[in-house]
Amino acid sequence: MVIRRRVRAVLLPLALYCLSGAAGSYFLWHAVNDDRGLRANEDYERQIKSLHAQVDAKEKERQAWARRIALLSGATIDRDMLDEEARARLGRVNKDDLIVLLKPNADGEPVSATNP
């Protein structure tokens, strides 16, 4: 009888501690690794930074195009820019233009004049 009480007095709290530890571990694991956990939050932050960088790059590109469009439209048209754009679109050159053909480097890109 006494042994049974002592075993019950020891095993019952031990079982309750194990059960509460398992439940706590379950919720803690899901708080860190679940779809809305801490790791997912870090992934979302990385994605947000990447998307902000893409937005900044697109904004710079949009500003560059806005500058070029402003030169081609409006009350005064930049004749050099218009001529350059027309030649690029038509694939033509003027008889006075100097054409420099560059050999491609190992990457397949032509060597620039600044980096021979």
N, C-alpha and C. Protein backbone atom coordinates (compact mmCIF):
# COMPACT_ATOMS: atom_id res chain seq x y z
N MET A 1 0.80 -1.18 0.00
CA MET A 1 0.00 0.00 0.00
C MET A 1 0.85 1.26 0.00
N VAL A 2 1.81 1.27 0.92
CA VAL A 2 2.66 2.43 1.04
C VAL A 2 3.51 2.60 -0.22
N ILE A 3 3.96 1.50 -0.75
CA ILE A 3 4.78 1.58 -1.97
C ILE A 3 3.94 2.10 -3.13
N ARG A 4 2.69 1.66 -3.19
CA ARG A 4 1.83 2.11 -4.27
C ARG A 4 1.58 3.63 -4.17
N ARG A 5 1.42 4.14 -2.96
CA ARG A 5 1.23 5.59 -2.78
C ARG A 5 2.49 6.35 -3.18
N ARG A 6 3.63 5.83 -2.78
CA ARG A 6 4.87 6.52 -3.14
C ARG A 6 5.10 6.50 -4.66
N VAL A 7 4.84 5.39 -5.30
CA VAL A 7 5.00 5.30 -6.74
C VAL A 7 4.04 6.27 -7.41
N ARG A 8 2.80 6.29 -6.94
CA ARG A 8 1.82 7.21 -7.51
C ARG A 8 2.23 8.66 -7.23
N ALA A 9 2.77 8.95 -6.08
CA ALA A 9 3.19 10.31 -5.73
C ALA A 9 4.37 10.77 -6.59
N VAL A 10 5.17 9.85 -7.05
CA VAL A 10 6.32 10.20 -7.88
C VAL A 10 5.94 10.18 -9.36
N LEU A 11 5.24 9.14 -9.80
CA LEU A 11 4.95 8.99 -11.21
C LEU A 11 3.90 9.97 -11.73
N LEU A 12 2.92 10.30 -10.94
CA LEU A 12 1.88 11.22 -11.40
C LEU A 12 2.45 12.61 -11.70
N PRO A 13 3.20 13.24 -10.81
CA PRO A 13 3.80 14.53 -11.17
C PRO A 13 4.80 14.41 -12.31
N LEU A 14 5.53 13.28 -12.35
CA LEU A 14 6.49 13.08 -13.44
C LEU A 14 5.76 12.98 -14.78
N ALA A 15 4.65 12.27 -14.83
CA ALA A 15 3.87 12.16 -16.05
C ALA A 15 3.30 13.52 -16.44
N LEU A 16 2.82 14.27 -15.47
CA LEU A 16 2.28 15.60 -15.77
C LEU A 16 3.38 16.54 -16.28
N TYR A 17 4.56 16.47 -15.69
CA TYR A 17 5.68 17.30 -16.18
C TYR A 17 6.06 16.91 -17.62
N CYS A 18 6.10 15.61 -17.89
CA CYS A 18 6.44 15.16 -19.25
C CYS A 18 5.37 15.60 -20.25
N LEU A 19 4.11 15.47 -19.85
CA LEU A 19 3.02 15.87 -20.72
C LEU A 19 3.05 17.38 -20.99
N SER A 20 3.25 18.18 -19.96
CA SER A 20 3.30 19.64 -20.16
C SER A 20 4.56 20.03 -20.93
N GLY A 21 5.66 19.32 -20.72
CA GLY A 21 6.87 19.59 -21.49
C GLY A 21 6.68 19.27 -22.96
N ALA A 22 6.00 18.16 -23.25
CA ALA A 22 5.74 17.80 -24.64
C ALA A 22 4.82 18.82 -25.30
N ALA A 23 3.78 19.27 -24.59
CA ALA A 23 2.87 20.28 -25.15
C ALA A 23 3.61 21.59 -25.37
N GLY A 24 4.43 21.99 -24.42
CA GLY A 24 5.21 23.22 -24.57
C GLY A 24 6.18 23.13 -25.73
N SER A 25 6.83 21.97 -25.88
CA SER A 25 7.76 21.77 -26.99
C SER A 25 7.03 21.82 -28.33
N TYR A 26 5.85 21.24 -28.38
CA TYR A 26 5.05 21.26 -29.60
C TYR A 26 4.74 22.69 -30.01
N PHE A 27 4.25 23.49 -29.08
CA PHE A 27 3.88 24.88 -29.40
C PHE A 27 5.12 25.73 -29.70
N LEU A 28 6.21 25.49 -29.01
CA LEU A 28 7.44 26.22 -29.26
C LEU A 28 7.99 25.90 -30.65
N TRP A 29 7.98 24.62 -31.02
CA TRP A 29 8.46 24.23 -32.35
C TRP A 29 7.62 24.90 -33.44
N HIS A 30 6.31 24.92 -33.27
CA HIS A 30 5.44 25.55 -34.27
C HIS A 30 5.57 27.07 -34.27
N ALA A 31 5.89 27.65 -33.14
CA ALA A 31 6.10 29.10 -33.09
C ALA A 31 7.34 29.50 -33.87
N VAL A 32 8.31 28.63 -33.96
CA VAL A 32 9.54 28.93 -34.69
C VAL A 32 9.45 28.49 -36.15
N ASN A 33 8.94 27.30 -36.42
CA ASN A 33 9.04 26.70 -37.74
C ASN A 33 7.76 26.70 -38.58
N ASP A 34 6.68 27.15 -38.09
CA ASP A 34 5.41 27.07 -38.81
C ASP A 34 5.33 28.13 -39.91
N ASP A 35 4.22 28.15 -40.64
CA ASP A 35 4.03 29.10 -41.74
C ASP A 35 4.05 30.55 -41.26
N ARG A 36 3.68 30.78 -40.04
CA ARG A 36 3.67 32.14 -39.50
C ARG A 36 4.67 32.30 -38.36
N GLY A 37 5.66 31.44 -38.35
CA GLY A 37 6.64 31.45 -37.27
C GLY A 37 7.77 32.44 -37.50
N LEU A 38 8.77 32.36 -36.63
CA LEU A 38 9.88 33.30 -36.68
C LEU A 38 10.71 33.14 -37.95
N ARG A 39 10.94 31.91 -38.39
CA ARG A 39 11.72 31.70 -39.61
C ARG A 39 10.97 32.20 -40.83
N ALA A 40 9.68 32.01 -40.86
CA ALA A 40 8.88 32.52 -41.98
C ALA A 40 8.94 34.04 -42.00
N ASN A 41 8.95 34.66 -40.84
CA ASN A 41 9.04 36.11 -40.76
C ASN A 41 10.37 36.59 -41.34
N GLU A 42 11.45 35.88 -41.05
CA GLU A 42 12.76 36.24 -41.61
C GLU A 42 12.76 36.10 -43.13
N ASP A 43 12.12 35.03 -43.63
CA ASP A 43 12.02 34.85 -45.08
C ASP A 43 11.23 35.99 -45.72
N TYR A 44 10.14 36.39 -45.07
CA TYR A 44 9.35 37.50 -45.59
C TYR A 44 10.16 38.80 -45.60
N GLU A 45 10.95 39.02 -44.58
CA GLU A 45 11.79 40.22 -44.53
C GLU A 45 12.80 40.22 -45.67
N ARG A 46 13.42 39.05 -45.95
CA ARG A 46 14.36 38.94 -47.06
C ARG A 46 13.67 39.20 -48.39
N GLN A 47 12.48 38.66 -48.56
CA GLN A 47 11.73 38.88 -49.80
C GLN A 47 11.37 40.35 -49.95
N ILE A 48 11.01 41.00 -48.86
CA ILE A 48 10.65 42.42 -48.90
C ILE A 48 11.86 43.25 -49.32
N LYS A 49 13.03 42.95 -48.77
CA LYS A 49 14.25 43.69 -49.15
C LYS A 49 14.57 43.49 -50.62
N SER A 50 14.42 42.25 -51.10
CA SER A 50 14.68 41.96 -52.51
C SER A 50 13.70 42.72 -53.40
N LEU A 51 12.45 42.74 -53.03
CA LEU A 51 11.44 43.45 -53.83
C LEU A 51 11.66 44.96 -53.80
N HIS A 52 12.11 45.48 -52.65
CA HIS A 52 12.42 46.92 -52.59
C HIS A 52 13.59 47.25 -53.52
N ALA A 53 14.58 46.37 -53.58
CA ALA A 53 15.71 46.60 -54.48
C ALA A 53 15.24 46.57 -55.93
N GLN A 54 14.34 45.65 -56.27
CA GLN A 54 13.80 45.60 -57.63
C GLN A 54 13.00 46.85 -57.95
N VAL A 55 12.23 47.33 -56.99
CA VAL A 55 11.43 48.55 -57.20
C VAL A 55 12.35 49.74 -57.43
N ASP A 56 13.43 49.83 -56.65
CA ASP A 56 14.39 50.93 -56.82
C ASP A 56 15.04 50.87 -58.21
N ALA A 57 15.41 49.66 -58.65
CA ALA A 57 16.03 49.52 -59.97
C ALA A 57 15.04 49.92 -61.07
N LYS A 58 13.81 49.50 -60.93
CA LYS A 58 12.79 49.85 -61.93
C LYS A 58 12.50 51.35 -61.92
N GLU A 59 12.55 51.96 -60.74
CA GLU A 59 12.34 53.41 -60.66
C GLU A 59 13.46 54.16 -61.36
N LYS A 60 14.70 53.71 -61.18
CA LYS A 60 15.83 54.34 -61.88
C LYS A 60 15.69 54.17 -63.38
N GLU A 61 15.26 52.98 -63.82
CA GLU A 61 15.07 52.75 -65.24
C GLU A 61 13.95 53.63 -65.78
N ARG A 62 12.88 53.79 -65.00
CA ARG A 62 11.77 54.64 -65.42
C ARG A 62 12.21 56.09 -65.54
N GLN A 63 13.03 56.55 -64.61
CA GLN A 63 13.53 57.92 -64.68
C GLN A 63 14.42 58.12 -65.90
N ALA A 64 15.25 57.12 -66.22
CA ALA A 64 16.11 57.22 -67.41
C ALA A 64 15.24 57.31 -68.67
N TRP A 65 14.21 56.47 -68.75
CA TRP A 65 13.32 56.53 -69.90
C TRP A 65 12.56 57.86 -69.94
N ALA A 66 12.17 58.38 -68.78
CA ALA A 66 11.47 59.66 -68.75
C ALA A 66 12.37 60.78 -69.29
N ARG A 67 13.66 60.73 -68.94
CA ARG A 67 14.60 61.74 -69.47
C ARG A 67 14.72 61.62 -70.98
N ARG A 68 14.83 60.38 -71.48
CA ARG A 68 14.96 60.19 -72.93
C ARG A 68 13.69 60.63 -73.66
N ILE A 69 12.55 60.33 -73.09
CA ILE A 69 11.28 60.72 -73.71
C ILE A 69 11.14 62.23 -73.71
N ALA A 70 11.59 62.86 -72.62
CA ALA A 70 11.51 64.32 -72.56
C ALA A 70 12.38 64.96 -73.64
N LEU A 71 13.50 64.32 -73.97
CA LEU A 71 14.36 64.85 -75.03
C LEU A 71 13.73 64.68 -76.41
N LEU A 72 12.92 63.63 -76.59
CA LEU A 72 12.33 63.35 -77.89
C LEU A 72 10.96 64.00 -78.08
N SER A 73 10.36 64.48 -77.04
CA SER A 73 9.04 65.08 -77.17
C SER A 73 9.05 66.49 -76.57
N GLY A 74 8.00 67.19 -76.79
CA GLY A 74 7.89 68.54 -76.26
C GLY A 74 8.07 69.58 -77.34
N ALA A 75 8.23 70.82 -76.92
CA ALA A 75 8.35 71.93 -77.86
C ALA A 75 9.66 71.87 -78.64
N THR A 76 10.74 71.48 -77.98
CA THR A 76 12.04 71.39 -78.66
C THR A 76 12.50 69.94 -78.64
N ILE A 77 12.82 69.42 -79.80
CA ILE A 77 13.29 68.04 -79.91
C ILE A 77 14.80 68.07 -80.08
N ASP A 78 15.49 67.27 -79.30
CA ASP A 78 16.94 67.15 -79.42
C ASP A 78 17.23 66.36 -80.70
N ARG A 79 17.77 67.03 -81.69
CA ARG A 79 17.97 66.40 -83.01
C ARG A 79 18.97 65.24 -82.94
N ASP A 80 20.01 65.38 -82.14
CA ASP A 80 20.99 64.30 -82.02
C ASP A 80 20.35 63.04 -81.44
N MET A 81 19.53 63.22 -80.42
CA MET A 81 18.86 62.08 -79.80
C MET A 81 17.88 61.43 -80.78
N LEU A 82 17.15 62.25 -81.52
CA LEU A 82 16.22 61.73 -82.51
C LEU A 82 16.96 60.96 -83.61
N ASP A 83 18.07 61.51 -84.05
CA ASP A 83 18.87 60.86 -85.08
C ASP A 83 19.43 59.52 -84.56
N GLU A 84 19.94 59.54 -83.34
CA GLU A 84 20.49 58.33 -82.75
C GLU A 84 19.42 57.25 -82.60
N GLU A 85 18.25 57.63 -82.15
CA GLU A 85 17.17 56.67 -81.96
C GLU A 85 16.70 56.09 -83.30
N ALA A 86 16.56 56.95 -84.30
CA ALA A 86 16.13 56.48 -85.61
C ALA A 86 17.14 55.52 -86.21
N ARG A 87 18.43 55.82 -86.10
CA ARG A 87 19.46 54.94 -86.64
C ARG A 87 19.49 53.60 -85.90
N ALA A 88 19.31 53.65 -84.58
CA ALA A 88 19.32 52.41 -83.81
C ALA A 88 18.14 51.53 -84.19
N ARG A 89 16.97 52.12 -84.36
CA ARG A 89 15.77 51.34 -84.70
C ARG A 89 15.84 50.79 -86.12
N LEU A 90 16.38 51.57 -87.03
CA LEU A 90 16.42 51.14 -88.42
C LEU A 90 17.65 50.29 -88.75
N GLY A 91 18.65 50.32 -87.88
CA GLY A 91 19.86 49.56 -88.12
C GLY A 91 20.71 50.17 -89.23
N ARG A 92 20.69 51.46 -89.35
CA ARG A 92 21.42 52.17 -90.40
C ARG A 92 22.55 52.99 -89.79
N VAL A 93 23.52 53.34 -90.63
CA VAL A 93 24.60 54.21 -90.23
C VAL A 93 24.76 55.30 -91.29
N ASN A 94 25.34 56.39 -90.90
CA ASN A 94 25.63 57.49 -91.81
C ASN A 94 26.94 57.18 -92.54
N LYS A 95 27.12 57.75 -93.71
CA LYS A 95 28.35 57.48 -94.45
C LYS A 95 29.58 58.06 -93.75
N ASP A 96 29.37 59.03 -92.86
CA ASP A 96 30.49 59.64 -92.15
C ASP A 96 30.75 58.98 -90.79
N ASP A 97 29.94 58.01 -90.41
CA ASP A 97 30.11 57.35 -89.11
C ASP A 97 31.30 56.41 -89.15
N LEU A 98 31.98 56.29 -88.01
CA LEU A 98 33.10 55.37 -87.86
C LEU A 98 32.59 54.15 -87.10
N ILE A 99 32.75 52.98 -87.67
CA ILE A 99 32.29 51.75 -87.05
C ILE A 99 33.50 50.98 -86.56
N VAL A 100 33.49 50.61 -85.30
CA VAL A 100 34.58 49.85 -84.69
C VAL A 100 34.04 48.48 -84.31
N LEU A 101 34.58 47.43 -84.88
CA LEU A 101 34.17 46.07 -84.56
C LEU A 101 35.14 45.52 -83.51
N LEU A 102 34.60 45.00 -82.44
CA LEU A 102 35.41 44.47 -81.36
C LEU A 102 35.27 42.96 -81.31
N LYS A 103 36.39 42.28 -81.02
CA LYS A 103 36.35 40.83 -80.88
C LYS A 103 35.72 40.51 -79.52
N PRO A 104 34.90 39.46 -79.47
CA PRO A 104 34.31 39.09 -78.17
C PRO A 104 35.36 38.47 -77.26
N ASN A 105 35.19 38.69 -75.96
CA ASN A 105 36.12 38.07 -75.00
C ASN A 105 35.64 36.67 -74.66
N ALA A 106 36.17 36.07 -73.64
CA ALA A 106 35.84 34.69 -73.28
C ALA A 106 34.38 34.54 -72.88
N ASP A 107 33.76 35.60 -72.34
CA ASP A 107 32.37 35.53 -71.92
C ASP A 107 31.41 35.68 -73.08
N GLY A 108 31.89 36.04 -74.25
CA GLY A 108 31.03 36.23 -75.41
C GLY A 108 30.58 37.67 -75.58
N GLU A 109 30.98 38.54 -74.63
CA GLU A 109 30.62 39.95 -74.73
C GLU A 109 31.76 40.68 -75.45
N PRO A 110 31.41 41.70 -76.24
CA PRO A 110 32.48 42.44 -76.91
C PRO A 110 33.32 43.21 -75.89
N VAL A 111 34.59 43.34 -76.21
CA VAL A 111 35.50 44.07 -75.35
C VAL A 111 35.22 45.55 -75.51
N SER A 112 35.06 46.24 -74.39
CA SER A 112 34.78 47.68 -74.46
C SER A 112 36.08 48.44 -74.67
N ALA A 113 35.92 49.71 -75.05
CA ALA A 113 37.11 50.53 -75.31
C ALA A 113 37.87 50.81 -74.03
N THR A 114 37.17 50.84 -72.88
CA THR A 114 37.84 51.11 -71.62
C THR A 114 38.50 49.88 -71.04
N ASN A 115 38.08 48.68 -71.48
CA ASN A 115 38.63 47.44 -70.97
C ASN A 115 39.09 46.56 -72.13
N PRO A 116 40.24 46.85 -72.75
CA PRO A 116 40.69 46.07 -73.92
C PRO A 116 41.15 44.69 -73.56
